[in-house]
Amino acid sequence: MRIAGRLLSIASLFVIAACSVTTGGDPHSNPGVPPPGGKDKRIKDVGDPAAAGHKDYLAAPVAISGAVVVAVDKFDETANGKSTGTIYVQDLGSKDPYSGITLFAPTFNPGNLAVGPGDVLDLNGQYTESSNIGSTVTFAPGAVLPQISKPVATFRYEADVPDPVDIDVNDLADFEKGRRWMGMLVRVKNITLTSDAANDKNGRVAVNLTAGAGSTSCTAPFPKPPQMINALFDIDGLGLKSGTKVESLTGVIGFFCSLQLAPRTPADIVVAK
């Protein structure tokens, strides 16, 4: 009986506690479903040079949420460990201009995270726009390389890699027009290659995507021919020649002296039959 009485008392306490949850105490908080992209800045907010307050972000700490990885450079075309590691990210769910960027010297949370395409990250780092690389490489007048420098990248969840944005290949000959697509996954259609695949003897291979005057050297002013490059896989063995007609070419947009489109796999290059 004494045991039964204790059990009854304990049961009564649970009933009272349950009632207090529903009828008393602090009200429940229901903030709703959190936005998939998070609540911090988006890449476009800091990377659009026409956005209000853009200059305030330069060399300043920024917190960006909802950046989906579109490509990771693991190829190392120079075979010396110096041309690998670039991570291209894009605002989740957006195809707007200025929604992409690259990461420079990131660290990860958790520390052993190996990111891949489709991973959604939150970033805390510094927004930079470089007009040169060290003392040896200076870009053309007005050209800069936007990056998130030394960010701590925190993994959130896995998502799908976004579909490419269809753009005009001629935009990439003009820095201001082409800058809108840096770091983003894009697609150009119905183009004719205007040079053979050229190897610079250090492993870098480039193919010009448009005709017209202009040097691709670093200090040469824009306009200059945009190029397809082998930053993400070996295009050297594909036998690409000047005059080859390409139905569609997909890749990420990077910048080093000229605006460059880097396909991820051979499937990104659809040659006309």
Protein backbone atom coordinates (compact mmCIF):
# COMPACT_ATOMS: atom_id res chain seq x y z
CA MET A 1 0.00 0.00 0.00
CA ARG A 2 2.79 2.39 0.85
CA ILE A 3 4.42 1.61 -2.49
CA ALA A 4 1.13 2.06 -4.34
CA GLY A 5 0.62 5.37 -2.58
CA ARG A 6 4.07 6.63 -3.68
CA LEU A 7 3.36 5.59 -7.25
CA LEU A 8 0.08 7.45 -7.15
CA SER A 9 1.80 10.58 -5.82
CA ILE A 10 4.46 10.47 -8.54
CA ALA A 11 1.78 10.03 -11.19
CA SER A 12 -0.04 13.04 -9.79
CA LEU A 13 3.12 15.15 -10.09
CA PHE A 14 3.44 14.24 -13.78
CA VAL A 15 -0.18 15.29 -14.36
CA ILE A 16 0.42 18.62 -12.62
CA ALA A 17 3.63 19.21 -14.59
CA ALA A 18 1.90 18.43 -17.85
CA CYS A 19 -0.90 20.81 -17.05
CA SER A 20 1.55 23.58 -16.16
CA VAL A 21 3.17 23.23 -19.60
CA THR A 22 -0.10 23.81 -21.39
CA THR A 23 -1.86 26.19 -19.04
CA GLY A 24 0.83 28.12 -17.21
CA GLY A 25 4.38 29.41 -17.28
CA ASP A 26 6.00 31.19 -20.20
CA PRO A 27 4.21 30.92 -23.56
CA HIS A 28 5.77 28.72 -26.22
CA SER A 29 7.89 30.44 -28.86
CA ASN A 30 7.12 29.57 -32.49
CA PRO A 31 9.41 31.54 -34.79
CA GLY A 32 8.36 29.45 -37.78
CA VAL A 33 10.57 27.55 -40.21
CA PRO A 34 13.99 29.22 -40.49
CA PRO A 35 14.85 30.47 -44.01
CA PRO A 36 16.98 27.93 -45.91
CA GLY A 37 19.51 30.61 -46.74
CA GLY A 38 19.95 31.72 -43.14
CA LYS A 39 19.59 35.20 -41.70
CA ASP A 40 23.01 36.74 -42.37
CA LYS A 41 24.11 38.59 -45.51
CA ARG A 42 24.00 36.95 -48.91
CA ILE A 43 26.96 37.04 -51.30
CA LYS A 44 25.08 39.46 -53.54
CA ASP A 45 24.64 41.90 -50.64
CA VAL A 46 28.38 42.40 -50.31
CA GLY A 47 29.59 41.66 -53.84
CA ASP A 48 27.36 43.94 -55.94
CA PRO A 49 29.39 47.13 -56.52
CA ALA A 50 26.17 49.07 -57.09
CA ALA A 51 24.58 47.95 -53.80
CA ALA A 52 24.12 50.48 -51.03
CA GLY A 53 27.04 50.42 -48.61
CA HIS A 54 29.19 48.22 -50.86
CA LYS A 55 32.36 50.16 -50.08
CA ASP A 56 31.77 49.68 -46.36
CA TYR A 57 32.26 45.94 -46.80
CA LEU A 58 35.74 46.26 -48.32
CA ALA A 59 38.33 44.71 -46.03
CA ALA A 60 35.66 44.42 -43.34
CA PRO A 61 34.42 41.34 -41.46
CA VAL A 62 31.30 39.86 -43.02
CA ALA A 63 28.91 37.07 -42.03
CA ILE A 64 27.29 35.28 -44.97
CA SER A 65 24.80 32.46 -44.69
CA GLY A 66 23.43 30.00 -47.21
CA ALA A 67 26.39 29.75 -49.61
CA VAL A 68 26.17 26.55 -51.64
CA VAL A 69 29.37 25.04 -53.03
CA VAL A 70 29.23 24.75 -56.83
CA ALA A 71 32.77 23.46 -57.47
CA VAL A 72 36.00 22.61 -55.67
CA ASP A 73 39.33 22.72 -57.52
CA LYS A 74 41.15 19.45 -56.91
CA PHE A 75 42.90 19.18 -60.27
CA ASP A 76 46.23 21.03 -59.73
CA GLU A 77 47.03 21.60 -63.39
CA THR A 78 50.56 22.84 -62.62
CA ALA A 79 51.32 19.64 -60.66
CA ASN A 80 53.12 21.55 -57.93
CA GLY A 81 50.38 21.98 -55.35
CA LYS A 82 49.99 25.69 -56.11
CA SER A 83 46.94 25.56 -58.38
CA THR A 84 44.44 23.64 -56.31
CA GLY A 85 41.98 24.32 -53.52
CA THR A 86 39.80 27.12 -54.91
CA ILE A 87 36.21 26.80 -53.68
CA TYR A 88 33.42 28.42 -55.69
CA VAL A 89 30.23 29.29 -53.81
CA GLN A 90 26.91 30.80 -54.80
CA ASP A 91 23.87 32.14 -52.97
CA LEU A 92 21.48 29.26 -52.34
CA GLY A 93 18.41 29.49 -54.56
CA SER A 94 19.64 32.51 -56.53
CA LYS A 95 20.72 33.09 -60.11
CA ASP A 96 20.99 36.84 -59.68
CA PRO A 97 24.14 38.64 -60.82
CA TYR A 98 26.87 38.98 -58.18
CA SER A 99 25.58 35.90 -56.33
CA GLY A 100 28.88 34.00 -56.59
CA ILE A 101 32.39 34.33 -55.19
CA THR A 102 35.50 32.30 -54.37
CA LEU A 103 36.98 31.55 -50.96
CA PHE A 104 40.60 32.29 -50.10
CA ALA A 105 42.32 30.22 -47.39
CA PRO A 106 39.19 28.98 -45.60
CA THR A 107 39.09 26.96 -42.40
CA PHE A 108 36.21 24.68 -41.57
CA ASN A 109 33.83 23.80 -38.78
CA PRO A 110 34.05 20.91 -38.07
CA GLY A 111 37.79 21.02 -38.65
CA ASN A 112 37.94 17.79 -40.67
CA LEU A 113 35.20 18.88 -43.09
CA ALA A 114 35.96 18.12 -46.74
CA VAL A 115 33.44 20.19 -48.66
CA GLY A 116 32.00 19.21 -52.01
CA PRO A 117 29.45 20.46 -54.51
CA GLY A 118 26.03 20.90 -52.91
CA ASP A 119 27.28 21.57 -49.37
CA VAL A 120 25.65 24.65 -47.85
CA LEU A 121 27.94 26.79 -45.69
CA ASP A 122 27.81 29.78 -43.39
CA LEU A 123 30.87 32.01 -43.74
CA ASN A 124 32.56 34.42 -41.38
CA GLY A 125 35.51 36.14 -43.03
CA GLN A 126 36.64 39.32 -44.75
CA TYR A 127 35.42 40.65 -48.08
CA THR A 128 38.30 41.73 -50.32
CA GLU A 129 38.81 43.05 -53.85
CA SER A 130 42.39 42.57 -55.03
CA SER A 131 43.84 44.51 -57.97
CA ASN A 132 47.05 42.51 -57.88
CA ILE A 133 48.59 39.30 -56.57
CA GLY A 134 51.75 40.01 -54.65
CA SER A 135 54.34 42.18 -56.35
CA THR A 136 54.53 40.22 -59.58
CA VAL A 137 50.95 40.22 -61.00
CA THR A 138 48.97 43.40 -61.60
CA PHE A 139 45.52 43.26 -63.19
CA ALA A 140 44.16 45.50 -65.93
CA PRO A 141 42.89 48.96 -64.95
CA GLY A 142 39.58 48.64 -63.10
CA ALA A 143 39.79 44.85 -62.79
CA VAL A 144 39.68 43.24 -59.35
CA LEU A 145 39.39 39.75 -57.89
CA PRO A 146 36.58 39.65 -55.27
CA GLN A 147 36.97 36.98 -52.56
CA ILE A 148 35.94 36.05 -49.05
CA SER A 149 39.32 35.93 -47.37
CA LYS A 150 40.20 33.47 -44.61
CA PRO A 151 36.62 32.61 -43.72
CA VAL A 152 35.52 30.14 -41.09
CA ALA A 153 33.12 27.96 -43.08
CA THR A 154 30.48 26.15 -41.01
CA PHE A 155 28.61 23.25 -42.60
CA ARG A 156 24.80 23.49 -42.47
CA TYR A 157 23.31 20.80 -44.69
CA GLU A 158 23.48 19.23 -48.16
CA ALA A 159 21.51 20.60 -51.10
CA ASP A 160 21.48 20.25 -54.87
CA VAL A 161 24.07 22.01 -57.00
CA PRO A 162 22.19 24.87 -58.70
CA ASP A 163 21.38 24.73 -62.39
CA PRO A 164 23.66 26.89 -64.54
CA VAL A 165 22.70 30.43 -65.49
CA ASP A 166 22.53 31.01 -69.24
CA ILE A 167 24.65 34.04 -70.17
CA ASP A 168 26.00 35.73 -73.29
CA VAL A 169 29.61 34.68 -73.86
CA ASN A 170 30.38 38.19 -75.14
CA ASP A 171 29.69 39.57 -71.66
CA LEU A 172 32.87 37.85 -70.52
CA ALA A 173 34.99 40.01 -72.85
CA ASP A 174 34.00 43.07 -70.80
CA PHE A 175 35.11 43.08 -67.17
CA GLU A 176 32.17 45.01 -65.74
CA LYS A 177 29.62 42.82 -67.52
CA GLY A 178 31.46 39.58 -66.86
CA ARG A 179 32.14 40.36 -63.20
CA ARG A 180 28.46 39.79 -62.50
CA TRP A 181 28.97 36.04 -62.96
CA MET A 182 32.24 35.47 -61.06
CA GLY A 183 32.12 32.37 -58.90
CA MET A 184 28.82 31.24 -60.42
CA LEU A 185 27.90 28.18 -62.46
CA VAL A 186 26.99 29.41 -65.96
CA ARG A 187 26.32 28.08 -69.45
CA VAL A 188 27.02 29.61 -72.85
CA LYS A 189 25.50 28.23 -76.04
CA ASN A 190 26.28 28.04 -79.74
CA ILE A 191 29.84 29.32 -79.69
CA THR A 192 32.81 28.76 -81.97
CA LEU A 193 36.24 28.37 -80.41
CA THR A 194 38.66 30.98 -81.77
CA SER A 195 41.98 29.36 -80.86
CA ASP A 196 43.52 25.94 -80.44
CA ALA A 197 43.94 24.65 -76.89
CA ALA A 198 47.25 26.23 -75.86
CA ASN A 199 49.48 24.87 -73.09
CA ASP A 200 51.71 27.46 -71.38
CA LYS A 201 54.27 24.69 -70.61
CA ASN A 202 53.44 24.98 -66.90
CA GLY A 203 50.31 22.83 -67.25
CA ARG A 204 47.78 25.62 -67.76
CA VAL A 205 45.66 25.16 -70.88
CA ALA A 206 43.42 27.85 -72.37
CA VAL A 207 41.10 28.18 -75.36
CA ASN A 208 39.73 31.55 -76.53
CA LEU A 209 35.94 31.68 -76.63
CA THR A 210 35.43 34.83 -78.69
CA ALA A 211 37.12 36.52 -81.61
CA GLY A 212 38.25 40.13 -81.65
CA ALA A 213 41.25 42.15 -80.70
CA GLY A 214 42.68 42.16 -77.23
CA SER A 215 45.49 40.56 -75.31
CA THR A 216 44.93 38.18 -72.40
CA SER A 217 48.06 39.44 -70.64
CA CYS A 218 47.42 40.69 -67.12
CA THR A 219 48.01 44.41 -67.57
CA ALA A 220 46.31 44.64 -70.98
CA PRO A 221 43.06 46.62 -70.75
CA PHE A 222 39.65 45.12 -71.35
CA PRO A 223 38.00 44.11 -73.62
CA LYS A 224 39.97 40.88 -73.94
CA PRO A 225 38.96 37.39 -75.11
CA PRO A 226 37.38 35.20 -72.42
CA GLN A 227 38.90 31.76 -72.14
CA MET A 228 37.98 28.19 -71.31
CA ILE A 229 40.63 26.83 -68.94
CA ASN A 230 41.64 23.55 -67.33
CA ALA A 231 41.32 24.68 -63.69
CA LEU A 232 38.98 21.82 -62.75
CA PHE A 233 39.89 18.95 -65.11
CA ASP A 234 42.26 18.07 -67.95
CA ILE A 235 40.93 19.58 -71.17
CA ASP A 236 44.28 19.18 -72.95
CA GLY A 237 43.47 15.73 -74.28
CA LEU A 238 40.14 16.71 -75.85
CA GLY A 239 41.71 17.88 -79.10
CA LEU A 240 39.95 21.26 -79.09
CA LYS A 241 40.83 23.34 -82.14
CA SER A 242 40.05 26.78 -83.45
CA GLY A 243 36.79 26.64 -85.38
CA THR A 244 35.27 23.87 -83.24
CA LYS A 245 31.56 24.56 -82.80
CA VAL A 246 30.21 23.98 -79.31
CA GLU A 247 26.48 23.61 -78.64
CA SER A 248 26.84 24.36 -74.96
CA LEU A 249 29.64 24.94 -72.50
CA THR A 250 29.01 24.85 -68.75
CA GLY A 251 31.40 25.82 -65.98
CA VAL A 252 32.27 28.25 -63.23
CA ILE A 253 33.56 31.75 -63.86
CA GLY A 254 36.92 32.71 -62.43
CA PHE A 255 39.34 35.57 -63.00
CA PHE A 256 43.07 35.69 -63.49
CA CYS A 257 44.12 38.40 -65.93
CA SER A 258 41.09 37.53 -68.10
CA LEU A 259 37.64 36.20 -67.29
CA GLN A 260 37.75 32.42 -67.50
CA LEU A 261 35.20 29.64 -67.73
CA ALA A 262 36.25 26.37 -66.13
CA PRO A 263 34.21 23.27 -67.08
CA ARG A 264 33.99 20.63 -64.33
CA THR A 265 33.95 17.43 -66.43
CA PRO A 266 33.95 16.46 -70.12
CA ALA A 267 30.13 16.36 -69.94
CA ASP A 268 30.15 20.15 -69.54
CA ILE A 269 31.45 20.50 -73.13
CA VAL A 270 28.90 19.55 -75.78
CA VAL A 271 30.54 19.75 -79.21
CA ALA A 272 28.20 20.21 -82.18
CA LYS A 273 27.82 17.15 -84.38
